[in-house]
């Protein structure tokens, strides 16, 4: 059924019908979107907590099923899990920012005014001429 037909049926314009339909759909979808956003945010929170645990861990380099040792006998630290956890945390932060609209562009207005030395000299000469004209008018009026 078209907006025109709905408007005729209910006794108002097609524009009013379109507006009312849009408002009704928003009433249905906005709370659902908020619920979905909250559920996704909770998932991100759980993943983030796990990744912070990975960052707190100590990892040893393993090659051919054996721990790689330094000359001193200490195991060689494996930093790869830390780098991967850090990258995953960054992706979670980006996802969360997108989910909550933090990456939405902000409209700004910039105004740049430039004045050259020539402009300043011309303005100075104009002020000087106006002062001289005022003196001349005063002298002639007296």
N, C-alpha and C. Protein backbone atom coordinates (compact mmCIF):
# COMPACT_ATOMS: atom_id res chain seq x y z
N UNK A 1 0.85 -1.18 0.00
CA UNK A 1 0.00 0.00 0.00
C UNK A 1 0.90 1.24 0.00
N UNK A 2 0.60 2.20 -0.84
CA UNK A 2 1.42 3.40 -0.97
C UNK A 2 1.09 4.41 0.14
N UNK A 3 1.99 5.38 0.31
CA UNK A 3 1.76 6.45 1.29
C UNK A 3 0.52 7.27 0.93
N UNK A 4 0.29 7.44 -0.37
CA UNK A 4 -0.89 8.19 -0.82
C UNK A 4 -2.15 7.45 -0.40
N UNK A 5 -2.18 6.13 -0.63
CA UNK A 5 -3.36 5.33 -0.27
C UNK A 5 -3.56 5.31 1.24
N UNK A 6 -2.47 5.20 1.99
CA UNK A 6 -2.58 5.20 3.45
C UNK A 6 -3.12 6.54 3.92
N UNK A 7 -2.60 7.63 3.36
CA UNK A 7 -3.07 8.96 3.72
C UNK A 7 -4.54 9.15 3.43
N UNK A 8 -4.99 8.69 2.25
CA UNK A 8 -6.41 8.81 1.89
C UNK A 8 -7.27 7.99 2.84
N UNK A 9 -6.82 6.79 3.15
CA UNK A 9 -7.58 5.89 4.04
C UNK A 9 -7.74 6.50 5.43
N UNK A 10 -6.66 7.14 5.93
CA UNK A 10 -6.69 7.68 7.29
C UNK A 10 -7.05 9.16 7.35
N UNK A 11 -7.14 9.81 6.19
CA UNK A 11 -7.59 11.19 6.17
C UNK A 11 -6.51 12.23 6.36
N UNK A 12 -5.29 11.96 5.91
CA UNK A 12 -4.24 12.98 5.94
C UNK A 12 -3.34 12.82 4.72
N UNK A 13 -2.37 13.73 4.58
CA UNK A 13 -1.54 13.76 3.37
C UNK A 13 -0.58 12.57 3.31
N UNK A 14 -0.07 12.32 2.10
CA UNK A 14 0.90 11.23 1.92
C UNK A 14 2.20 11.54 2.67
N UNK A 15 2.55 12.83 2.76
CA UNK A 15 3.76 13.23 3.50
C UNK A 15 3.60 12.91 4.98
N UNK A 16 2.43 13.20 5.54
CA UNK A 16 2.16 12.87 6.95
C UNK A 16 2.20 11.36 7.14
N UNK A 17 1.64 10.62 6.20
CA UNK A 17 1.67 9.15 6.28
C UNK A 17 3.11 8.65 6.28
N UNK A 18 3.93 9.20 5.39
CA UNK A 18 5.34 8.80 5.32
C UNK A 18 6.06 9.10 6.63
N UNK A 19 5.83 10.29 7.19
CA UNK A 19 6.45 10.68 8.45
C UNK A 19 6.03 9.75 9.58
N UNK A 20 4.74 9.46 9.67
CA UNK A 20 4.24 8.58 10.74
C UNK A 20 4.79 7.17 10.60
N UNK A 21 4.88 6.68 9.37
CA UNK A 21 5.44 5.34 9.14
C UNK A 21 6.91 5.31 9.56
N UNK A 22 7.68 6.34 9.19
CA UNK A 22 9.09 6.40 9.56
C UNK A 22 9.25 6.44 11.08
N UNK A 23 8.43 7.25 11.76
CA UNK A 23 8.50 7.32 13.23
C UNK A 23 8.16 5.98 13.86
N UNK A 24 7.17 5.28 13.31
CA UNK A 24 6.78 3.97 13.84
C UNK A 24 7.91 2.96 13.66
N UNK A 25 8.53 2.96 12.49
CA UNK A 25 9.65 2.05 12.25
C UNK A 25 10.81 2.37 13.19
N UNK A 26 11.08 3.65 13.42
CA UNK A 26 12.14 4.05 14.35
C UNK A 26 11.84 3.55 15.76
N UNK A 27 10.58 3.63 16.17
CA UNK A 27 10.19 3.15 17.50
C UNK A 27 10.45 1.65 17.64
N UNK A 28 10.31 0.93 16.55
CA UNK A 28 10.54 -0.51 16.58
C UNK A 28 12.02 -0.86 16.51
N UNK A 29 12.76 -0.14 15.66
CA UNK A 29 14.14 -0.54 15.38
C UNK A 29 15.18 0.05 16.31
N UNK A 30 14.96 1.27 16.82
CA UNK A 30 15.97 1.90 17.67
C UNK A 30 16.23 1.08 18.93
N UNK A 31 15.19 0.64 19.67
CA UNK A 31 15.47 -0.19 20.85
C UNK A 31 16.17 -1.51 20.48
N UNK A 32 15.79 -2.10 19.35
CA UNK A 32 16.46 -3.33 18.90
C UNK A 32 17.93 -3.07 18.60
N UNK A 33 18.21 -1.97 17.95
CA UNK A 33 19.59 -1.62 17.64
C UNK A 33 20.39 -1.41 18.92
N UNK A 34 19.79 -0.77 19.92
CA UNK A 34 20.47 -0.57 21.20
C UNK A 34 20.76 -1.90 21.88
N UNK A 35 19.81 -2.83 21.82
CA UNK A 35 20.02 -4.16 22.41
C UNK A 35 21.16 -4.88 21.70
N UNK A 36 21.17 -4.81 20.38
CA UNK A 36 22.23 -5.46 19.61
C UNK A 36 23.59 -4.81 19.90
N UNK A 37 23.60 -3.50 20.00
CA UNK A 37 24.84 -2.78 20.31
C UNK A 37 25.37 -3.21 21.68
N UNK A 38 24.48 -3.33 22.66
CA UNK A 38 24.87 -3.75 24.01
C UNK A 38 25.42 -5.18 23.98
N UNK A 39 24.74 -6.08 23.26
CA UNK A 39 25.19 -7.48 23.17
C UNK A 39 26.58 -7.55 22.53
N UNK A 40 26.77 -6.81 21.44
CA UNK A 40 28.08 -6.80 20.77
C UNK A 40 29.15 -6.21 21.68
N UNK A 41 28.80 -5.17 22.41
CA UNK A 41 29.74 -4.55 23.33
C UNK A 41 30.15 -5.52 24.44
N UNK A 42 29.19 -6.31 24.93
CA UNK A 42 29.49 -7.31 25.95
C UNK A 42 30.46 -8.37 25.41
N UNK A 43 30.25 -8.80 24.16
CA UNK A 43 31.16 -9.77 23.54
C UNK A 43 32.58 -9.19 23.45
N UNK A 44 32.65 -7.93 23.03
CA UNK A 44 33.96 -7.27 22.92
C UNK A 44 34.63 -7.17 24.28
N UNK A 45 33.84 -6.90 25.33
CA UNK A 45 34.39 -6.82 26.69
C UNK A 45 35.01 -8.16 27.10
N UNK A 46 34.30 -9.27 26.81
CA UNK A 46 34.82 -10.59 27.18
C UNK A 46 36.11 -10.91 26.42
N UNK A 47 36.12 -10.61 25.14
CA UNK A 47 37.34 -10.85 24.34
C UNK A 47 38.50 -10.00 24.84
N UNK A 48 38.19 -8.76 25.16
CA UNK A 48 39.24 -7.85 25.64
C UNK A 48 39.84 -8.36 26.94
N UNK A 49 39.00 -8.84 27.85
CA UNK A 49 39.49 -9.36 29.13
C UNK A 49 40.43 -10.55 28.90
N UNK A 50 40.08 -11.43 27.97
CA UNK A 50 40.95 -12.57 27.65
C UNK A 50 42.29 -12.10 27.09
N UNK A 51 42.25 -11.12 26.22
CA UNK A 51 43.48 -10.63 25.60
C UNK A 51 44.39 -9.93 26.61
N UNK A 52 43.82 -9.25 27.59
CA UNK A 52 44.66 -8.64 28.63
C UNK A 52 45.38 -9.73 29.40
N UNK A 53 44.73 -10.88 29.58
CA UNK A 53 45.39 -12.03 30.22
C UNK A 53 46.57 -12.52 29.39
N UNK A 54 46.42 -12.53 28.07
CA UNK A 54 47.52 -12.93 27.19
C UNK A 54 48.69 -11.97 27.35
N UNK A 55 48.40 -10.68 27.44
CA UNK A 55 49.48 -9.69 27.59
C UNK A 55 50.22 -9.84 28.90
N UNK A 56 49.55 -10.37 29.92
CA UNK A 56 50.20 -10.55 31.23
C UNK A 56 51.06 -11.81 31.28
N UNK A 57 50.93 -12.68 30.28
CA UNK A 57 51.65 -13.96 30.30
C UNK A 57 53.09 -13.85 29.85
N UNK A 58 53.85 -14.92 30.15
CA UNK A 58 55.25 -15.05 29.70
C UNK A 58 55.29 -16.22 28.73
N UNK A 59 55.94 -16.03 27.60
CA UNK A 59 55.95 -17.05 26.56
C UNK A 59 57.37 -17.36 26.16
N UNK A 60 57.62 -18.63 25.87
CA UNK A 60 58.96 -19.08 25.48
C UNK A 60 58.94 -19.51 24.02
N UNK A 61 60.03 -19.24 23.34
CA UNK A 61 60.15 -19.63 21.94
C UNK A 61 60.37 -21.13 21.85
N UNK A 62 59.59 -21.77 20.98
CA UNK A 62 59.69 -23.22 20.78
C UNK A 62 60.06 -23.47 19.33
N UNK A 63 61.03 -24.35 19.12
CA UNK A 63 61.43 -24.73 17.77
C UNK A 63 61.57 -26.24 17.71
N UNK A 64 60.92 -26.86 16.76
CA UNK A 64 60.94 -28.32 16.60
C UNK A 64 60.53 -29.03 17.89
N UNK A 65 59.56 -28.46 18.58
CA UNK A 65 59.02 -29.09 19.78
C UNK A 65 59.86 -28.88 21.03
N UNK A 66 60.93 -28.10 20.94
CA UNK A 66 61.79 -27.87 22.11
C UNK A 66 61.90 -26.38 22.38
N UNK A 67 62.01 -26.04 23.66
CA UNK A 67 62.18 -24.65 24.07
C UNK A 67 63.58 -24.19 23.66
N UNK A 68 63.65 -23.03 23.00
CA UNK A 68 64.93 -22.47 22.58
C UNK A 68 65.56 -21.78 23.79
N UNK A 69 66.84 -22.10 24.04
CA UNK A 69 67.53 -21.56 25.21
C UNK A 69 68.66 -20.62 24.79
N UNK A 70 68.91 -19.63 25.63
CA UNK A 70 70.06 -18.74 25.44
C UNK A 70 71.30 -19.49 25.90
N UNK A 71 72.47 -18.89 25.67
CA UNK A 71 73.73 -19.50 26.12
C UNK A 71 73.73 -19.66 27.63
N UNK A 72 73.02 -18.77 28.32
CA UNK A 72 72.97 -18.82 29.78
C UNK A 72 72.04 -19.92 30.28
N UNK A 73 71.29 -20.54 29.38
CA UNK A 73 70.36 -21.60 29.78
C UNK A 73 68.94 -21.11 29.98
N UNK A 74 68.76 -19.80 29.92
CA UNK A 74 67.40 -19.24 30.08
C UNK A 74 66.63 -19.40 28.77
N UNK A 75 65.31 -19.58 28.86
CA UNK A 75 64.53 -19.69 27.63
C UNK A 75 64.45 -18.34 26.91
N UNK A 76 64.41 -18.39 25.59
CA UNK A 76 64.26 -17.18 24.77
C UNK A 76 62.79 -16.79 24.79
N UNK A 77 62.54 -15.53 25.12
CA UNK A 77 61.16 -15.04 25.20
C UNK A 77 60.54 -15.01 23.81
N UNK A 78 59.28 -15.41 23.73
CA UNK A 78 58.52 -15.35 22.48
C UNK A 78 57.56 -14.17 22.58
N UNK A 79 57.82 -13.13 21.81
CA UNK A 79 57.00 -11.92 21.86
C UNK A 79 55.83 -11.95 20.89
N UNK A 80 55.80 -12.93 20.00
CA UNK A 80 54.74 -13.00 18.99
C UNK A 80 53.33 -13.01 19.60
N UNK A 81 53.07 -13.80 20.65
CA UNK A 81 51.71 -13.76 21.23
C UNK A 81 51.34 -12.37 21.76
N UNK A 82 52.33 -11.64 22.27
CA UNK A 82 52.07 -10.30 22.79
C UNK A 82 51.71 -9.34 21.66
N UNK A 83 52.46 -9.44 20.54
CA UNK A 83 52.16 -8.58 19.39
C UNK A 83 50.77 -8.88 18.83
N UNK A 84 50.44 -10.17 18.74
CA UNK A 84 49.13 -10.56 18.21
C UNK A 84 48.00 -10.10 19.14
N UNK A 85 48.21 -10.22 20.45
CA UNK A 85 47.19 -9.77 21.41
C UNK A 85 47.01 -8.26 21.32
N UNK A 86 48.12 -7.54 21.18
CA UNK A 86 48.05 -6.08 21.07
C UNK A 86 47.28 -5.68 19.81
N UNK A 87 47.56 -6.35 18.70
CA UNK A 87 46.85 -6.05 17.45
C UNK A 87 45.36 -6.35 17.59
N UNK A 88 45.03 -7.45 18.27
CA UNK A 88 43.62 -7.81 18.47
C UNK A 88 42.94 -6.78 19.37
N UNK A 89 43.64 -6.29 20.39
CA UNK A 89 43.06 -5.25 21.27
C UNK A 89 42.78 -3.98 20.48
N UNK A 90 43.68 -3.64 19.56
CA UNK A 90 43.45 -2.46 18.72
C UNK A 90 42.23 -2.65 17.83
N UNK A 91 42.07 -3.86 17.28
CA UNK A 91 40.88 -4.12 16.44
C UNK A 91 39.60 -4.04 17.27
N UNK A 92 39.66 -4.52 18.51
CA UNK A 92 38.49 -4.44 19.40
C UNK A 92 38.15 -2.98 19.68
N UNK A 93 39.17 -2.17 19.95
CA UNK A 93 38.94 -0.74 20.22
C UNK A 93 38.32 -0.06 18.99
N UNK A 94 38.81 -0.41 17.80
CA UNK A 94 38.25 0.17 16.57
C UNK A 94 36.80 -0.28 16.38
N UNK A 95 36.54 -1.55 16.64
CA UNK A 95 35.18 -2.08 16.49
C UNK A 95 34.23 -1.40 17.48
N UNK A 96 34.69 -1.23 18.72
CA UNK A 96 33.85 -0.59 19.74
C UNK A 96 33.58 0.87 19.37
N UNK A 97 34.59 1.56 18.87
CA UNK A 97 34.41 2.96 18.46
C UNK A 97 33.39 3.06 17.33
N UNK A 98 33.46 2.13 16.38
CA UNK A 98 32.48 2.12 15.30
C UNK A 98 31.09 1.78 15.79
N UNK A 99 31.01 0.84 16.72
CA UNK A 99 29.73 0.40 17.26
C UNK A 99 29.00 1.54 17.96
N UNK A 100 29.74 2.36 18.67
CA UNK A 100 29.13 3.47 19.43
C UNK A 100 29.20 4.80 18.70
N UNK A 101 29.65 4.79 17.44
CA UNK A 101 29.62 6.01 16.63
C UNK A 101 30.72 7.01 16.96
N UNK A 102 31.81 6.54 17.56
CA UNK A 102 32.87 7.46 17.94
C UNK A 102 33.72 7.89 16.76
N UNK A 103 33.62 7.17 15.64
CA UNK A 103 34.40 7.51 14.45
C UNK A 103 33.62 8.39 13.49
N UNK A 104 32.44 8.80 13.88
CA UNK A 104 31.61 9.62 13.00
C UNK A 104 32.31 10.95 12.76
N UNK A 105 32.42 11.35 11.50
CA UNK A 105 33.09 12.63 11.22
C UNK A 105 32.36 13.79 11.88
N UNK A 106 33.14 14.75 12.34
CA UNK A 106 32.58 15.94 12.96
C UNK A 106 32.77 17.09 11.98
N UNK A 107 31.70 17.83 11.75
CA UNK A 107 31.77 18.95 10.82
C UNK A 107 32.39 20.14 11.54
N UNK A 108 33.45 20.68 10.96
CA UNK A 108 34.09 21.86 11.54
C UNK A 108 34.21 22.93 10.46
N UNK A 109 34.27 24.15 10.90
CA UNK A 109 34.42 25.26 9.96
C UNK A 109 35.69 26.00 10.32
N UNK A 110 36.52 26.24 9.33
CA UNK A 110 37.77 26.96 9.54
C UNK A 110 37.75 28.24 8.71
N UNK A 111 38.17 29.31 9.33
CA UNK A 111 38.23 30.57 8.62
C UNK A 111 39.67 31.09 8.72
N UNK A 112 40.26 31.34 7.58
CA UNK A 112 41.63 31.83 7.55
C UNK A 112 41.61 33.24 6.99
N UNK A 113 42.22 34.15 7.74
CA UNK A 113 42.32 35.53 7.29
C UNK A 113 43.79 35.86 7.18
N UNK A 114 44.18 36.35 6.04
CA UNK A 114 45.58 36.73 5.86
C UNK A 114 45.64 38.20 5.52
N UNK A 115 46.66 38.84 6.01
CA UNK A 115 46.89 40.25 5.69
C UNK A 115 48.35 40.39 5.30
N UNK A 116 48.59 41.03 4.20
CA UNK A 116 49.97 41.21 3.75
C UNK A 116 50.49 42.56 4.24
N UNK A 117 51.78 42.74 4.10
CA UNK A 117 52.42 44.00 4.48
C UNK A 117 51.84 45.13 3.63
N UNK A 118 51.56 44.84 2.37
CA UNK A 118 50.99 45.86 1.47
C UNK A 118 49.63 46.31 2.00
N UNK A 119 48.79 45.33 2.42
CA UNK A 119 47.48 45.67 2.97
C UNK A 119 47.62 46.57 4.19
N UNK A 120 48.58 46.23 5.05
CA UNK A 120 48.78 47.04 6.26
C UNK A 120 49.25 48.44 5.91
N UNK A 121 50.14 48.56 4.93
CA UNK A 121 50.63 49.89 4.51
C UNK A 121 49.50 50.72 3.91
N UNK A 122 48.66 50.10 3.09
CA UNK A 122 47.53 50.83 2.50
C UNK A 122 46.58 51.30 3.60
N UNK A 123 46.29 50.44 4.56
CA UNK A 123 45.40 50.82 5.66
C UNK A 123 46.01 51.97 6.46
N UNK A 124 47.31 51.93 6.68
CA UNK A 124 47.99 53.01 7.41
C UNK A 124 47.90 54.33 6.63
N UNK A 125 48.12 54.27 5.33
CA UNK A 125 48.02 55.48 4.50
C UNK A 125 46.59 56.03 4.51
N UNK A 126 45.59 55.16 4.45
CA UNK A 126 44.20 55.62 4.50
C UNK A 126 43.91 56.32 5.83
N UNK A 127 44.40 55.75 6.94
CA UNK A 127 44.18 56.40 8.24
C UNK A 127 44.84 57.77 8.28
N UNK A 128 46.04 57.83 7.74
CA UNK A 128 46.77 59.10 7.69
C UNK A 128 45.99 60.14 6.87
N UNK A 129 45.50 59.73 5.69
CA UNK A 129 44.75 60.64 4.82
C UNK A 129 43.47 61.10 5.50
N UNK A 130 42.77 60.20 6.18
CA UNK A 130 41.54 60.57 6.87
C UNK A 130 41.83 61.57 7.98
N UNK A 131 42.93 61.36 8.71
CA UNK A 131 43.29 62.29 9.78
C UNK A 131 43.61 63.67 9.20
N UNK A 132 44.36 63.70 8.09
CA UNK A 132 44.68 64.98 7.45
C UNK A 132 43.42 65.66 6.93
N UNK A 133 42.52 64.89 6.33
CA UNK A 133 41.26 65.45 5.84
C UNK A 133 40.45 66.04 6.99
N UNK A 134 40.41 65.35 8.12
CA UNK A 134 39.67 65.85 9.28
C UNK A 134 40.28 67.15 9.77
N UNK A 135 41.63 67.22 9.80
CA UNK A 135 42.30 68.46 10.22
C UNK A 135 41.96 69.60 9.25
N UNK A 136 41.99 69.30 7.95
CA UNK A 136 41.69 70.32 6.94
C UNK A 136 40.25 70.81 7.07
N UNK A 137 39.30 69.89 7.30
CA UNK A 137 37.89 70.27 7.48
C UNK A 137 37.76 71.16 8.71
N UNK A 138 38.42 70.80 9.80
CA UNK A 138 38.38 71.61 11.03
C UNK A 138 38.98 72.99 10.78
N UNK A 139 40.10 73.06 10.07
CA UNK A 139 40.76 74.33 9.79
C UNK A 139 39.86 75.22 8.93
N UNK A 140 39.22 74.64 7.91
CA UNK A 140 38.36 75.42 7.02
C UNK A 140 37.06 75.83 7.71
N UNK A 141 36.59 75.03 8.64
CA UNK A 141 35.35 75.33 9.36
C UNK A 141 35.56 76.46 10.36
N UNK A 142 36.75 76.64 10.83
CA UNK A 142 37.00 77.63 11.87
C UNK A 142 37.06 79.04 11.37
